[in-house]
Amino acid sequence: MSAAGTWNMTIDTPIGKQHARLELSQAADGTWQGTSYSVDSGEESALTDVSVQGNEVTWHQAVTKPMKLNLKCTVTIDGDTLTGKAKAGMFPAVNMSGERATEAASS
């Protein structure tokens, strides 16, 4: 199953669960791009260095809310769910999980 689509994410951070909508797409030339939208803060951030290798997806993103962080994220897709980790600098990695959004829920 493709990584492309919209994913409803939950990130278990030290300050509580954060929620985001992750959008991934593949261009005609095979490259991947994406955007993350924080449901909690309203911040939108572009994903960089997006890589899809089989069922593993990795990317980097910078956020400023609730604090300024540069994140490296790695998730594994299993059908319509994903699980993985987000790592910010010297902080411990935090767990992430998500479900593929249905068309009705993502519009």
PDB file of N, CA and C in Angstrom:
ATOM      1  N   MET A   1       0.848  -1.182   0.000  1.00  0.00           N
ATOM      2  CA  MET A   1       0.000   0.000   0.000  1.00  0.00           C
ATOM      3  C   MET A   1       0.891   1.242   0.000  1.00  0.00           C
ATOM      4  N   SER A   2       0.472   2.236  -0.716  1.00  0.00           N
ATOM      5  CA  SER A   2       1.267   3.453  -0.867  1.00  0.00           C
ATOM      6  C   SER A   2       1.232   4.321   0.389  1.00  0.00           C
ATOM      7  N   ALA A   3       2.320   5.034   0.583  1.00  0.00           N
ATOM      8  CA  ALA A   3       2.392   6.008   1.682  1.00  0.00           C
ATOM      9  C   ALA A   3       1.608   7.267   1.355  1.00  0.00           C
ATOM     10  N   ALA A   4       1.303   7.478   0.071  1.00  0.00           N
ATOM     11  CA  ALA A   4       0.607   8.691  -0.354  1.00  0.00           C
ATOM     12  C   ALA A   4      -0.771   8.789   0.294  1.00  0.00           C
ATOM     13  N   GLY A   5      -1.109  10.018   0.674  1.00  0.00           N
ATOM     14  CA  GLY A   5      -2.427  10.259   1.249  1.00  0.00           C
ATOM     15  C   GLY A   5      -2.340  11.138   2.471  1.00  0.00           C
ATOM     16  N   THR A   6      -3.445  11.203   3.176  1.00  0.00           N
ATOM     17  CA  THR A   6      -3.554  12.004   4.388  1.00  0.00           C
ATOM     18  C   THR A   6      -3.613  11.077   5.583  1.00  0.00           C
ATOM     19  N   TRP A   7      -2.827  11.403   6.598  1.00  0.00           N
ATOM     20  CA  TRP A   7      -2.715  10.586   7.807  1.00  0.00           C
ATOM     21  C   TRP A   7      -3.051  11.433   9.026  1.00  0.00           C
ATOM     22  N   ASN A   8      -3.889  10.911   9.911  1.00  0.00           N
ATOM     23  CA  ASN A   8      -4.201  11.561  11.185  1.00  0.00           C
ATOM     24  C   ASN A   8      -3.237  11.013  12.223  1.00  0.00           C
ATOM     25  N   MET A   9      -2.379  11.887  12.739  1.00  0.00           N
ATOM     26  CA  MET A   9      -1.272  11.478  13.591  1.00  0.00           C
ATOM     27  C   MET A   9      -1.476  11.869  15.053  1.00  0.00           C
ATOM     28  N   THR A  10      -0.918  11.062  15.947  1.00  0.00           N
ATOM     29  CA  THR A  10      -0.818  11.378  17.373  1.00  0.00           C
ATOM     30  C   THR A  10       0.640  11.213  17.764  1.00  0.00           C
ATOM     31  N   ILE A  11       1.196  12.254  18.386  1.00  0.00           N
ATOM     32  CA  ILE A  11       2.585  12.236  18.825  1.00  0.00           C
ATOM     33  C   ILE A  11       2.586  12.320  20.340  1.00  0.00           C
ATOM     34  N   ASP A  12       3.202  11.341  21.009  1.00  0.00           N
ATOM     35  CA  ASP A  12       3.238  11.288  22.478  1.00  0.00           C
ATOM     36  C   ASP A  12       4.445  12.069  22.979  1.00  0.00           C
ATOM     37  N   THR A  13       4.254  13.346  23.273  1.00  0.00           N
ATOM     38  CA  THR A  13       5.362  14.204  23.700  1.00  0.00           C
ATOM     39  C   THR A  13       5.399  14.316  25.222  1.00  0.00           C
ATOM     40  N   PRO A  14       6.515  14.798  25.767  1.00  0.00           N
ATOM     41  CA  PRO A  14       6.598  14.993  27.222  1.00  0.00           C
ATOM     42  C   PRO A  14       5.570  15.997  27.761  1.00  0.00           C
ATOM     43  N   ILE A  15       5.043  16.859  26.891  1.00  0.00           N
ATOM     44  CA  ILE A  15       4.041  17.831  27.357  1.00  0.00           C
ATOM     45  C   ILE A  15       2.618  17.392  27.010  1.00  0.00           C
ATOM     46  N   GLY A  16       2.466  16.147  26.621  1.00  0.00           N
ATOM     47  CA  GLY A  16       1.145  15.611  26.296  1.00  0.00           C
ATOM     48  C   GLY A  16       1.029  15.231  24.833  1.00  0.00           C
ATOM     49  N   LYS A  17      -0.075  14.607  24.505  1.00  0.00           N
ATOM     50  CA  LYS A  17      -0.307  14.175  23.131  1.00  0.00           C
ATOM     51  C   LYS A  17      -0.524  15.382  22.228  1.00  0.00           C
ATOM     52  N   GLN A  18       0.139  15.358  21.079  1.00  0.00           N
ATOM     53  CA  GLN A  18      -0.038  16.369  20.040  1.00  0.00           C
ATOM     54  C   GLN A  18      -0.675  15.673  18.838  1.00  0.00           C
ATOM     55  N   HIS A  19      -1.509  16.405  18.131  1.00  0.00           N
ATOM     56  CA  HIS A  19      -2.224  15.826  16.993  1.00  0.00           C
ATOM     57  C   HIS A  19      -1.886  16.601  15.726  1.00  0.00           C
ATOM     58  N   ALA A  20      -1.701  15.864  14.649  1.00  0.00           N
ATOM     59  CA  ALA A  20      -1.327  16.491  13.380  1.00  0.00           C
ATOM     60  C   ALA A  20      -1.962  15.738  12.222  1.00  0.00           C
ATOM     61  N   ARG A  21      -2.071  16.441  11.112  1.00  0.00           N
ATOM     62  CA  ARG A  21      -2.493  15.842   9.848  1.00  0.00           C
ATOM     63  C   ARG A  21      -1.259  15.848   8.943  1.00  0.00           C
ATOM     64  N   LEU A  22      -0.889  14.695   8.473  1.00  0.00           N
ATOM     65  CA  LEU A  22       0.288  14.526   7.620  1.00  0.00           C
ATOM     66  C   LEU A  22      -0.199  14.238   6.211  1.00  0.00           C
ATOM     67  N   GLU A  23       0.304  14.994   5.241  1.00  0.00           N
ATOM     68  CA  GLU A  23      -0.072  14.768   3.849  1.00  0.00           C
ATOM     69  C   GLU A  23       1.182  14.424   3.056  1.00  0.00           C
ATOM     70  N   LEU A  24       1.164  13.251   2.421  1.00  0.00           N
ATOM     71  CA  LEU A  24       2.289  12.769   1.622  1.00  0.00           C
ATOM     72  C   LEU A  24       1.841  12.553   0.187  1.00  0.00           C
ATOM     73  N   SER A  25       2.699  12.939  -0.757  1.00  0.00           N
ATOM     74  CA  SER A  25       2.380  12.699  -2.165  1.00  0.00           C
ATOM     75  C   SER A  25       3.667  12.427  -2.937  1.00  0.00           C
ATOM     76  N   GLN A  26       3.503  11.719  -4.043  1.00  0.00           N
ATOM     77  CA  GLN A  26       4.635  11.383  -4.895  1.00  0.00           C
ATOM     78  C   GLN A  26       4.479  12.103  -6.227  1.00  0.00           C
ATOM     79  N   ALA A  27       5.517  12.811  -6.644  1.00  0.00           N
ATOM     80  CA  ALA A  27       5.518  13.542  -7.910  1.00  0.00           C
ATOM     81  C   ALA A  27       5.720  12.576  -9.070  1.00  0.00           C
ATOM     82  N   ALA A  28       5.464  13.059 -10.272  1.00  0.00           N
ATOM     83  CA  ALA A  28       5.618  12.241 -11.475  1.00  0.00           C
ATOM     84  C   ALA A  28       7.041  11.715 -11.643  1.00  0.00           C
ATOM     85  N   ASP A  29       8.023  12.477 -11.130  1.00  0.00           N
ATOM     86  CA  ASP A  29       9.423  12.038 -11.251  1.00  0.00           C
ATOM     87  C   ASP A  29       9.838  11.047 -10.158  1.00  0.00           C
ATOM     88  N   GLY A  30       8.881  10.660  -9.305  1.00  0.00           N
ATOM     89  CA  GLY A  30       9.162   9.665  -8.273  1.00  0.00           C
ATOM     90  C   GLY A  30       9.568  10.241  -6.928  1.00  0.00           C
ATOM     91  N   THR A  31       9.826  11.551  -6.850  1.00  0.00           N
ATOM     92  CA  THR A  31      10.200  12.152  -5.566  1.00  0.00           C
ATOM     93  C   THR A  31       8.963  12.310  -4.687  1.00  0.00           C
ATOM     94  N   TRP A  32       9.214  12.357  -3.385  1.00  0.00           N
ATOM     95  CA  TRP A  32       8.145  12.488  -2.407  1.00  0.00           C
ATOM     96  C   TRP A  32       8.195  13.860  -1.762  1.00  0.00           C
ATOM     97  N   GLN A  33       7.028  14.374  -1.401  1.00  0.00           N
ATOM     98  CA  GLN A  33       6.944  15.619  -0.650  1.00  0.00           C
ATOM     99  C   GLN A  33       5.786  15.501   0.326  1.00  0.00           C
ATOM    100  N   GLY A  34       5.768  16.431   1.277  1.00  0.00           N
ATOM    101  CA  GLY A  34       4.698  16.373   2.255  1.00  0.00           C
ATOM    102  C   GLY A  34       4.597  17.629   3.087  1.00  0.00           C
ATOM    103  N   THR A  35       3.507  17.684   3.835  1.00  0.00           N
ATOM    104  CA  THR A  35       3.220  18.793   4.736  1.00  0.00           C
ATOM    105  C   THR A  35       2.618  18.223   6.008  1.00  0.00           C
ATOM    106  N   SER A  36       2.951  18.851   7.126  1.00  0.00           N
ATOM    107  CA  SER A  36       2.354  18.490   8.402  1.00  0.00           C
ATOM    108  C   SER A  36       1.588  19.695   8.923  1.00  0.00           C
ATOM    109  N   TYR A  37       0.370  19.459   9.384  1.00  0.00           N
ATOM    110  CA  TYR A  37      -0.466  20.519   9.942  1.00  0.00           C
ATOM    111  C   TYR A  37      -0.819  20.144  11.369  1.00  0.00           C
ATOM    112  N   SER A  38      -0.410  20.957  12.338  1.00  0.00           N
ATOM    113  CA  SER A  38      -0.713  20.688  13.744  1.00  0.00           C
ATOM    114  C   SER A  38      -2.151  21.064  14.038  1.00  0.00           C
ATOM    115  N   VAL A  39      -2.934  20.085  14.452  1.00  0.00           N
ATOM    116  CA  VAL A  39      -4.321  20.329  14.836  1.00  0.00           C
ATOM    117  C   VAL A  39      -4.357  21.188  16.099  1.00  0.00           C
ATOM    118  N   ASP A  40      -3.368  21.018  16.980  1.00  0.00           N
ATOM    119  CA  ASP A  40      -3.349  21.710  18.270  1.00  0.00           C
ATOM    120  C   ASP A  40      -2.919  23.170  18.154  1.00  0.00           C
ATOM    121  N   SER A  41      -1.863  23.457  17.398  1.00  0.00           N
ATOM    122  CA  SER A  41      -1.342  24.830  17.339  1.00  0.00           C
ATOM    123  C   SER A  41      -1.724  25.572  16.065  1.00  0.00           C
ATOM    124  N   GLY A  42      -2.160  24.839  15.043  1.00  0.00           N
ATOM    125  CA  GLY A  42      -2.478  25.457  13.769  1.00  0.00           C
ATOM    126  C   GLY A  42      -1.271  25.670  12.877  1.00  0.00           C
ATOM    127  N   GLU A  43      -0.083  25.283  13.344  1.00  0.00           N
ATOM    128  CA  GLU A  43       1.137  25.481  12.561  1.00  0.00           C
ATOM    129  C   GLU A  43       1.211  24.475  11.413  1.00  0.00           C
ATOM    130  N   GLU A  44       1.631  24.962  10.250  1.00  0.00           N
ATOM    131  CA  GLU A  44       1.855  24.114   9.094  1.00  0.00           C
ATOM    132  C   GLU A  44       3.338  24.113   8.778  1.00  0.00           C
ATOM    133  N   SER A  45       3.908  22.935   8.522  1.00  0.00           N
ATOM    134  CA  SER A  45       5.330  22.885   8.192  1.00  0.00           C
ATOM    135  C   SER A  45       5.566  21.902   7.052  1.00  0.00           C
ATOM    136  N   ALA A  46       6.456  22.311   6.153  1.00  0.00           N
ATOM    137  CA  ALA A  46       6.821  21.462   5.021  1.00  0.00           C
ATOM    138  C   ALA A  46       7.755  20.356   5.493  1.00  0.00           C
ATOM    139  N   LEU A  47       7.594  19.183   4.916  1.00  0.00           N
ATOM    140  CA  LEU A  47       8.502  18.080   5.192  1.00  0.00           C
ATOM    141  C   LEU A  47       9.655  18.166   4.198  1.00  0.00           C
ATOM    142  N   THR A  48      10.858  17.874   4.655  1.00  0.00           N
ATOM    143  CA  THR A  48      12.022  17.861   3.778  1.00  0.00           C
ATOM    144  C   THR A  48      12.668  16.485   3.832  1.00  0.00           C
ATOM    145  N   ASP A  49      13.478  16.194   2.848  1.00  0.00           N
ATOM    146  CA  ASP A  49      14.200  14.912   2.779  1.00  0.00           C
ATOM    147  C   ASP A  49      13.254  13.717   2.938  1.00  0.00           C
ATOM    148  N   VAL A  50      12.079  13.799   2.321  1.00  0.00           N
ATOM    149  CA  VAL A  50      11.102  12.705   2.422  1.00  0.00           C
ATOM    150  C   VAL A  50      11.614  11.512   1.622  1.00  0.00           C
ATOM    151  N   SER A  51      11.630  10.349   2.255  1.00  0.00           N
ATOM    152  CA  SER A  51      12.082   9.121   1.610  1.00  0.00           C
ATOM    153  C   SER A  51      11.102   7.998   1.927  1.00  0.00           C
ATOM    154  N   VAL A  52      10.731   7.260   0.900  1.00  0.00           N
ATOM    155  CA  VAL A  52       9.870   6.090   1.074  1.00  0.00           C
ATOM    156  C   VAL A  52      10.632   4.895   0.532  1.00  0.00           C
ATOM    157  N   GLN A  53      10.937   3.956   1.403  1.00  0.00           N
ATOM    158  CA  GLN A  53      11.638   2.726   1.043  1.00  0.00           C
ATOM    159  C   GLN A  53      10.791   1.562   1.527  1.00  0.00           C
ATOM    160  N   GLY A  54      10.046   0.946   0.615  1.00  0.00           N
ATOM    161  CA  GLY A  54       9.136  -0.127   1.019  1.00  0.00           C
ATOM    162  C   GLY A  54       8.049   0.449   1.909  1.00  0.00           C
ATOM    163  N   ASN A  55       7.933  -0.082   3.129  1.00  0.00           N
ATOM    164  CA  ASN A  55       6.903   0.425   4.044  1.00  0.00           C
ATOM    165  C   ASN A  55       7.471   1.399   5.080  1.00  0.00           C
ATOM    166  N   GLU A  56       8.730   1.828   4.907  1.00  0.00           N
ATOM    167  CA  GLU A  56       9.332   2.792   5.831  1.00  0.00           C
ATOM    168  C   GLU A  56       9.381   4.182   5.191  1.00  0.00           C
ATOM    169  N   VAL A  57       8.931   5.176   5.949  1.00  0.00           N
ATOM    170  CA  VAL A  57       8.929   6.560   5.489  1.00  0.00           C
ATOM    171  C   VAL A  57       9.741   7.389   6.484  1.00  0.00           C
ATOM    172  N   THR A  58      10.646   8.213   5.968  1.00  0.00           N
ATOM    173  CA  THR A  58      11.428   9.114   6.822  1.00  0.00           C
ATOM    174  C   THR A  58      11.309  10.530   6.283  1.00  0.00           C
ATOM    175  N   TRP A  59      11.425  11.503   7.181  1.00  0.00           N
ATOM    176  CA  TRP A  59      11.426  12.905   6.783  1.00  0.00           C
ATOM    177  C   TRP A  59      11.967  13.766   7.907  1.00  0.00           C
ATOM    178  N   HIS A  60      12.285  15.018   7.565  1.00  0.00           N
ATOM    179  CA  HIS A  60      12.675  16.040   8.535  1.00  0.00           C
ATOM    180  C   HIS A  60      11.633  17.143   8.481  1.00  0.00           C
ATOM    181  N   GLN A  61      11.446  17.798   9.615  1.00  0.00           N
ATOM    182  CA  GLN A  61      10.587  18.970   9.629  1.00  0.00           C
ATOM    183  C   GLN A  61      10.980  19.872  10.787  1.00  0.00           C
ATOM    184  N   ALA A  62      10.746  21.164  10.599  1.00  0.00           N
ATOM    185  CA  ALA A  62      11.004  22.156  11.642  1.00  0.00           C
ATOM    186  C   ALA A  62       9.660  22.648  12.161  1.00  0.00           C
ATOM    187  N   VAL A  63       9.538  22.714  13.471  1.00  0.00           N
ATOM    188  CA  VAL A  63       8.328  23.262  14.097  1.00  0.00           C
ATOM    189  C   VAL A  63       8.732  24.376  15.053  1.00  0.00           C
ATOM    190  N   THR A  64       7.808  25.283  15.304  1.00  0.00           N
ATOM    191  CA  THR A  64       8.075  26.362  16.264  1.00  0.00           C
ATOM    192  C   THR A  64       7.113  26.335  17.439  1.00  0.00           C
ATOM    193  N   LYS A  65       6.056  25.512  17.357  1.00  0.00           N
ATOM    194  CA  LYS A  65       5.074  25.420  18.435  1.00  0.00           C
ATOM    195  C   LYS A  65       4.905  23.962  18.816  1.00  0.00           C
ATOM    196  N   PRO A  66       4.847  23.579  20.028  1.00  0.00           N
ATOM    197  CA  PRO A  66       4.863  24.435  21.217  1.00  0.00           C
ATOM    198  C   PRO A  66       6.250  24.980  21.547  1.00  0.00           C
ATOM    199  N   MET A  67       7.293  24.467  20.865  1.00  0.00           N
ATOM    200  CA  MET A  67       8.633  25.031  21.004  1.00  0.00           C
ATOM    201  C   MET A  67       9.391  24.777  19.710  1.00  0.00           C
ATOM    202  N   LYS A  68      10.468  25.528  19.517  1.00  0.00           N
ATOM    203  CA  LYS A  68      11.241  25.416  18.283  1.00  0.00           C
ATOM    204  C   LYS A  68      12.066  24.128  18.310  1.00  0.00           C
ATOM    205  N   LEU A  69      11.788  23.243  17.330  1.00  0.00           N
ATOM    206  CA  LEU A  69      12.476  21.958  17.246  1.00  0.00           C
ATOM    207  C   LEU A  69      12.688  21.574  15.790  1.00  0.00           C
ATOM    208  N   ASN A  70      13.777  20.882  15.532  1.00  0.00           N
ATOM    209  CA  ASN A  70      14.011  20.243  14.244  1.00  0.00           C
ATOM    210  C   ASN A  70      13.844  18.745  14.465  1.00  0.00           C
ATOM    211  N   LEU A  71      12.870  18.167  13.793  1.00  0.00           N
ATOM    212  CA  LEU A  71      12.518  16.774  14.015  1.00  0.00           C
ATOM    213  C   LEU A  71      13.001  15.882  12.888  1.00  0.00           C
ATOM    214  N   LYS A  72      13.428  14.675  13.251  1.00  0.00           N
ATOM    215  CA  LYS A  72      13.693  13.614  12.284  1.00  0.00           C
ATOM    216  C   LYS A  72      12.693  12.518  12.604  1.00  0.00           C
ATOM    217  N   CYS A  73      11.856  12.178  11.631  1.00  0.00           N
ATOM    218  CA  CYS A  73      10.778  11.225  11.853  1.00  0.00           C
ATOM    219  C   CYS A  73      10.964   9.984  11.002  1.00  0.00           C
ATOM    220  N   THR A  74      10.651   8.834  11.592  1.00  0.00           N
ATOM    221  CA  THR A  74      10.696   7.553  10.898  1.00  0.00           C
ATOM    222  C   THR A  74       9.453   6.769  11.288  1.00  0.00           C
ATOM    223  N   VAL A  75       8.685   6.350  10.279  1.00  0.00           N
ATOM    224  CA  VAL A  75       7.488   5.559  10.553  1.00  0.00           C
ATOM    225  C   VAL A  75       7.462   4.338   9.650  1.00  0.00           C
ATOM    226  N   THR A  76       6.729   3.326  10.099  1.00  0.00           N
ATOM    227  CA  THR A  76       6.505   2.121   9.317  1.00  0.00           C
ATOM    228  C   THR A  76       5.011   2.008   9.062  1.00  0.00           C
ATOM    229  N   ILE A  77       4.659   1.832   7.799  1.00  0.00           N
ATOM    230  CA  ILE A  77       3.258   1.727   7.407  1.00  0.00           C
ATOM    231  C   ILE A  77       2.855   0.263   7.354  1.00  0.00           C
ATOM    232  N   ASP A  78       1.685  -0.025   7.926  1.00  0.00           N
ATOM    233  CA  ASP A  78       1.099  -1.363   7.881  1.00  0.00           C
ATOM    234  C   ASP A  78      -0.361  -1.184   7.469  1.00  0.00           C
ATOM    235  N   GLY A  79      -0.613  -1.269   6.172  1.00  0.00           N
ATOM    236  CA  GLY A  79      -1.972  -1.048   5.667  1.00  0.00           C
ATOM    237  C   GLY A  79      -2.380   0.406   5.838  1.00  0.00           C
ATOM    238  N   ASP A  80      -3.419   0.629   6.641  1.00  0.00           N
ATOM    239  CA  ASP A  80      -3.923   1.984   6.871  1.00  0.00           C
ATOM    240  C   ASP A  80      -3.508   2.546   8.226  1.00  0.00           C
ATOM    241  N   THR A  81      -2.466   1.967   8.833  1.00  0.00           N
ATOM    242  CA  THR A  81      -1.935   2.489  10.094  1.00  0.00           C
ATOM    243  C   THR A  81      -0.429   2.672   9.953  1.00  0.00           C
ATOM    244  N   LEU A  82       0.101   3.505  10.813  1.00  0.00           N
ATOM    245  CA  LEU A  82       1.552   3.665  10.857  1.00  0.00           C
ATOM    246  C   LEU A  82       1.987   3.882  12.297  1.00  0.00           C
ATOM    247  N   THR A  83       3.224   3.512  12.578  1.00  0.00           N
ATOM    248  CA  THR A  83       3.827   3.729  13.886  1.00  0.00           C
ATOM    249  C   THR A  83       5.277   4.110  13.675  1.00  0.00           C
ATOM    250  N   GLY A  84       5.825   4.865  14.617  1.00  0.00           N
ATOM    251  CA  GLY A  84       7.224   5.238  14.495  1.00  0.00           C
ATOM    252  C   GLY A  84       7.665   6.171  15.585  1.00  0.00           C
ATOM    253  N   LYS A  85       8.741   6.902  15.291  1.00  0.00           N
ATOM    254  CA  LYS A  85       9.380   7.779  16.275  1.00  0.00           C
ATOM    255  C   LYS A  85       9.689   9.133  15.652  1.00  0.00           C
ATOM    256  N   ALA A  86       9.677  10.145  16.509  1.00  0.00           N
ATOM    257  CA  ALA A  86      10.146  11.485  16.149  1.00  0.00           C
ATOM    258  C   ALA A  86      11.275  11.818  17.106  1.00  0.00           C
ATOM    259  N   LYS A  87      12.386  12.297  16.570  1.00  0.00           N
ATOM    260  CA  LYS A  87      13.564  12.608  17.378  1.00  0.00           C
ATOM    261  C   LYS A  87      13.932  14.063  17.166  1.00  0.00           C
ATOM    262  N   ALA A  88      14.135  14.785  18.275  1.00  0.00           N
ATOM    263  CA  ALA A  88      14.516  16.197  18.212  1.00  0.00           C
ATOM    264  C   ALA A  88      15.816  16.393  18.971  1.00  0.00           C
ATOM    265  N   GLY A  89      16.910  16.538  18.217  1.00  0.00           N
ATOM    266  CA  GLY A  89      18.203  16.831  18.831  1.00  0.00           C
ATOM    267  C   GLY A  89      18.566  15.877  19.941  1.00  0.00           C
ATOM    268  N   MET A  90      18.926  16.449  21.107  1.00  0.00           N
ATOM    269  CA  MET A  90      19.368  15.618  22.228  1.00  0.00           C
ATOM    270  C   MET A  90      18.208  15.068  23.057  1.00  0.00           C
ATOM    271  N   PHE A  91      16.976  15.461  22.733  1.00  0.00           N
ATOM    272  CA  PHE A  91      15.820  14.938  23.462  1.00  0.00           C
ATOM    273  C   PHE A  91      15.581  13.476  23.097  1.00  0.00           C
ATOM    274  N   PRO A  92      14.991  12.707  24.019  1.00  0.00           N
ATOM    275  CA  PRO A  92      14.667  11.312  23.688  1.00  0.00           C
ATOM    276  C   PRO A  92      13.626  11.258  22.569  1.00  0.00           C
ATOM    277  N   ALA A  93      13.660  10.198  21.791  1.00  0.00           N
ATOM    278  CA  ALA A  93      12.663  10.002  20.742  1.00  0.00           C
ATOM    279  C   ALA A  93      11.291   9.791  21.377  1.00  0.00           C
ATOM    280  N   VAL A  94      10.267  10.257  20.689  1.00  0.00           N
ATOM    281  CA  VAL A  94       8.887  10.077  21.164  1.00  0.00           C
ATOM    282  C   VAL A  94       8.132   9.219  20.160  1.00  0.00           C
ATOM    283  N   ASN A  95       7.121   8.526  20.639  1.00  0.00           N
ATOM    284  CA  ASN A  95       6.323   7.643  19.793  1.00  0.00           C
ATOM    285  C   ASN A  95       5.323   8.438  18.970  1.00  0.00           C
ATOM    286  N   MET A  96       5.107   7.969  17.738  1.00  0.00           N
ATOM    287  CA  MET A  96       4.087   8.526  16.858  1.00  0.00           C
ATOM    288  C   MET A  96       3.240   7.373  16.334  1.00  0.00           C
ATOM    289  N   SER A  97       1.971   7.655  16.119  1.00  0.00           N
ATOM    290  CA  SER A  97       1.103   6.670  15.484  1.00  0.00           C
ATOM    291  C   SER A  97       0.099   7.421  14.626  1.00  0.00           C
ATOM    292  N   GLY A  98      -0.498   6.709  13.692  1.00  0.00           N
ATOM    293  CA  GLY A  98      -1.461   7.370  12.833  1.00  0.00           C
ATOM    294  C   GLY A  98      -2.311   6.397  12.056  1.00  0.00           C
ATOM    295  N   GLU A  99      -3.386   6.953  11.510  1.00  0.00           N
ATOM    296  CA  GLU A  99      -4.300   6.200  10.671  1.00  0.00           C
ATOM    297  C   GLU A  99      -4.528   6.980   9.397  1.00  0.00           C
ATOM    298  N   ARG A 100      -4.695   6.254   8.302  1.00  0.00           N
ATOM    299  CA  ARG A 100      -5.011   6.903   7.037  1.00  0.00           C
ATOM    300  C   ARG A 100      -6.388   7.547   7.162  1.00  0.00           C
ATOM    301  N   ALA A 101      -6.492   8.801   6.752  1.00  0.00           N
ATOM    302  CA  ALA A 101      -7.769   9.508   6.822  1.00  0.00           C
ATOM    303  C   ALA A 101      -8.683   9.022   5.698  1.00  0.00           C
ATOM    304  N   THR A 102      -9.946   8.932   6.012  1.00  0.00           N
ATOM    305  CA  THR A 102     -10.914   8.600   4.975  1.00  0.00           C
ATOM    306  C   THR A 102     -11.226   9.864   4.193  1.00  0.00           C
ATOM    307  N   GLU A 103     -11.720   9.733   3.003  1.00  0.00           N
ATOM    308  CA  GLU A 103     -12.019  10.914   2.175  1.00  0.00           C
ATOM    309  C   GLU A 103     -12.975  11.866   2.886  1.00  0.00           C
ATOM    310  N   ALA A 104     -13.986  11.332   3.544  1.00  0.00           N
ATOM    311  CA  ALA A 104     -14.960  12.194   4.211  1.00  0.00           C
ATOM    312  C   ALA A 104     -14.326  12.940   5.376  1.00  0.00           C
ATOM    313  N   ALA A 105     -13.384  12.281   6.087  1.00  0.00           N
ATOM    314  CA  ALA A 105     -12.759  12.915   7.266  1.00  0.00           C
ATOM    315  C   ALA A 105     -11.716  13.924   6.872  1.00  0.00           C
ATOM    316  N   SER A 106     -11.106  13.805   5.688  1.00  0.00           N
ATOM    317  CA  SER A 106     -10.010  14.695   5.324  1.00  0.00           C
ATOM    318  C   SER A 106     -10.465  15.899   4.517  1.00  0.00           C
ATOM    319  N   SER A 107     -11.717  15.955   4.143  1.00  0.00           N
ATOM    320  CA  SER A 107     -12.178  17.106   3.356  1.00  0.00           C
ATOM    321  C   SER A 107     -12.822  18.164   4.203  1.00  0.00           C
TER     322      SER A 107
END
